[in-house]
Protein backbone atom coordinates (compact mmCIF):
# COMPACT_ATOMS: atom_id res chain seq x y z
CA UNK A 1 69.15 84.74 104.24
CA UNK A 2 68.13 87.33 106.89
CA UNK A 3 68.09 91.01 105.98
CA UNK A 4 71.32 92.88 106.61
CA UNK A 5 71.51 95.54 109.29
CA UNK A 6 74.12 97.45 107.29
CA UNK A 7 75.20 97.51 103.66
CA UNK A 8 78.94 97.12 104.23
CA UNK A 9 79.71 96.07 107.81
CA UNK A 10 78.97 92.50 108.80
CA UNK A 11 80.17 92.84 112.40
CA UNK A 12 82.50 94.92 114.51
CA UNK A 13 84.43 94.89 117.75
CA UNK A 14 85.41 98.19 119.34
CA UNK A 15 87.96 99.27 121.94
CA UNK A 16 89.50 95.80 122.25
CA UNK A 17 92.90 95.35 123.92
CA UNK A 18 95.57 94.58 121.33
CA UNK A 19 96.45 91.27 123.03
CA UNK A 20 93.02 89.99 122.00
CA UNK A 21 93.64 90.56 118.29
CA UNK A 22 94.64 86.89 118.04
CA UNK A 23 90.95 85.99 118.42
CA UNK A 24 89.95 87.62 115.13
CA UNK A 25 89.20 84.81 112.69
CA UNK A 26 91.75 84.27 109.92
CA UNK A 27 90.67 85.79 106.62
CA UNK A 28 88.60 88.60 108.18
CA UNK A 29 88.53 91.51 105.70
CA UNK A 30 87.62 95.10 106.42
CA UNK A 31 88.64 98.31 108.15
CA UNK A 32 90.42 98.67 111.47
CA UNK A 33 91.66 101.48 113.70
CA UNK A 34 94.60 101.44 116.09
CA UNK A 35 93.74 103.28 119.29
CA UNK A 36 95.70 104.61 122.26
CA UNK A 37 93.77 104.37 125.51
CA UNK A 38 93.86 107.44 127.79
CA UNK A 39 93.02 106.01 131.25
CA UNK A 40 92.65 109.42 132.89
CA UNK A 41 89.63 110.15 130.70
CA UNK A 42 88.73 106.60 129.61
CA UNK A 43 88.86 107.82 125.99
CA UNK A 44 90.71 106.46 122.97
CA UNK A 45 92.79 108.42 120.46
CA UNK A 46 92.87 107.13 116.89
CA UNK A 47 96.51 106.66 115.85
CA UNK A 48 96.07 104.79 112.57
CA UNK A 49 93.33 103.61 110.23
CA UNK A 50 93.94 100.66 107.93
CA UNK A 51 92.20 98.16 105.72
CA UNK A 52 92.66 94.73 104.32
CA UNK A 53 90.85 93.29 101.35
CA UNK A 54 93.07 90.34 100.48
CA UNK A 55 94.78 89.23 103.66
CA UNK A 56 93.34 89.52 107.16
CA UNK A 57 92.78 92.13 109.83
CA UNK A 58 94.34 89.62 112.22
CA UNK A 59 97.57 89.52 110.18
CA UNK A 60 97.72 93.31 109.85
CA UNK A 61 97.29 93.79 113.60
CA UNK A 62 100.03 91.23 114.28
CA UNK A 63 102.37 93.22 112.04
CA UNK A 64 101.41 96.47 113.79
CA UNK A 65 102.18 94.84 117.16
CA UNK A 66 105.73 94.25 115.92
CA UNK A 67 106.29 97.51 114.04
CA UNK A 68 104.24 100.10 115.92
CA UNK A 69 103.71 98.58 119.36
CA UNK A 70 104.18 101.84 121.27
CA UNK A 71 101.59 103.94 119.47
CA UNK A 72 98.53 101.79 120.25
CA UNK A 73 97.01 99.82 123.09
CA UNK A 74 93.60 98.89 121.64
CA UNK A 75 91.87 98.49 118.30
CA UNK A 76 88.48 98.51 116.66
CA UNK A 77 87.76 96.17 113.74
CA UNK A 78 84.94 96.36 111.21
CA UNK A 79 84.44 93.20 109.14
CA UNK A 80 82.83 93.67 105.74
CA UNK A 81 80.35 91.33 104.09
CA UNK A 82 81.83 88.75 101.71
CA UNK A 83 80.39 90.51 98.64
CA UNK A 84 81.99 93.88 99.46
CA UNK A 85 84.69 94.49 96.86
CA UNK A 86 88.29 95.51 97.44
CA UNK A 87 87.51 98.86 95.81
CA UNK A 88 84.63 99.47 98.22
CA UNK A 89 86.85 98.63 101.21
CA UNK A 90 89.45 101.09 99.93
CA UNK A 91 86.79 103.77 99.61
CA UNK A 92 85.58 103.16 103.18
CA UNK A 93 89.14 103.37 104.49
CA UNK A 94 89.70 106.53 102.50
CA UNK A 95 86.59 108.10 103.98
CA UNK A 96 87.78 107.40 107.54
CA UNK A 97 91.26 108.71 106.76
CA UNK A 98 89.77 111.85 105.25
CA UNK A 99 87.68 112.48 108.37
CA UNK A 100 90.77 112.19 110.58
CA UNK A 101 93.33 113.80 108.28
CA UNK A 102 93.60 117.03 110.27
CA UNK A 103 93.18 115.51 113.70
CA UNK A 104 96.12 116.57 115.87
CA UNK A 105 96.53 113.13 117.44
CA UNK A 106 96.06 111.03 114.33
CA UNK A 107 99.21 109.54 112.80
CA UNK A 108 98.83 111.39 109.50
CA UNK A 109 98.88 109.23 106.39
CA UNK A 110 97.16 111.63 104.07
CA UNK A 111 93.68 111.93 102.77
CA UNK A 112 91.78 110.02 100.11
CA UNK A 113 92.45 111.58 96.71
CA UNK A 114 89.17 110.50 95.13
CA UNK A 115 87.23 112.39 97.80
CA UNK A 116 88.94 115.57 96.66
CA UNK A 117 87.19 115.13 93.31
CA UNK A 118 83.76 115.08 94.93
CA UNK A 119 84.41 117.57 97.73
CA UNK A 120 82.00 120.51 97.74
CA UNK A 121 82.71 122.82 100.66
CA UNK A 122 79.58 124.92 100.20
CA UNK A 123 77.03 122.73 101.97
CA UNK A 124 74.22 124.97 100.74
CA UNK A 125 74.87 123.76 97.20
CA UNK A 126 74.04 120.19 98.21
CA UNK A 127 70.64 120.24 96.61
CA UNK A 128 68.58 117.08 96.42
CA UNK A 129 67.53 116.10 92.90
CA UNK A 130 63.89 116.83 92.11
């Protein structure tokens, strides 16, 4: 087996139009972001971050097309390796949600509680072990 380029992410597709979500293979697990394209700047606002560990990114995007069609035009999907656990996927999603939790354009879902337990605001105290 060839060496992995990343520990968690097997492959990704970014800034894809939502109509093309049907091309994601069934059973693809990982993290995804719903994006709203801003043509005047050719930028994308993150409107939602989600994950799937048991079903499929394809299924989740299909549901979002029905339930939240107006808040997104594009998506990015990050497939995880087969040996990445559900707990690890949840932690990755939580990290992304924590990064965006105070973004003014992000559809706020709340942060990741477990990160609060390891949060140290004083960056100077981040000493490397000897």
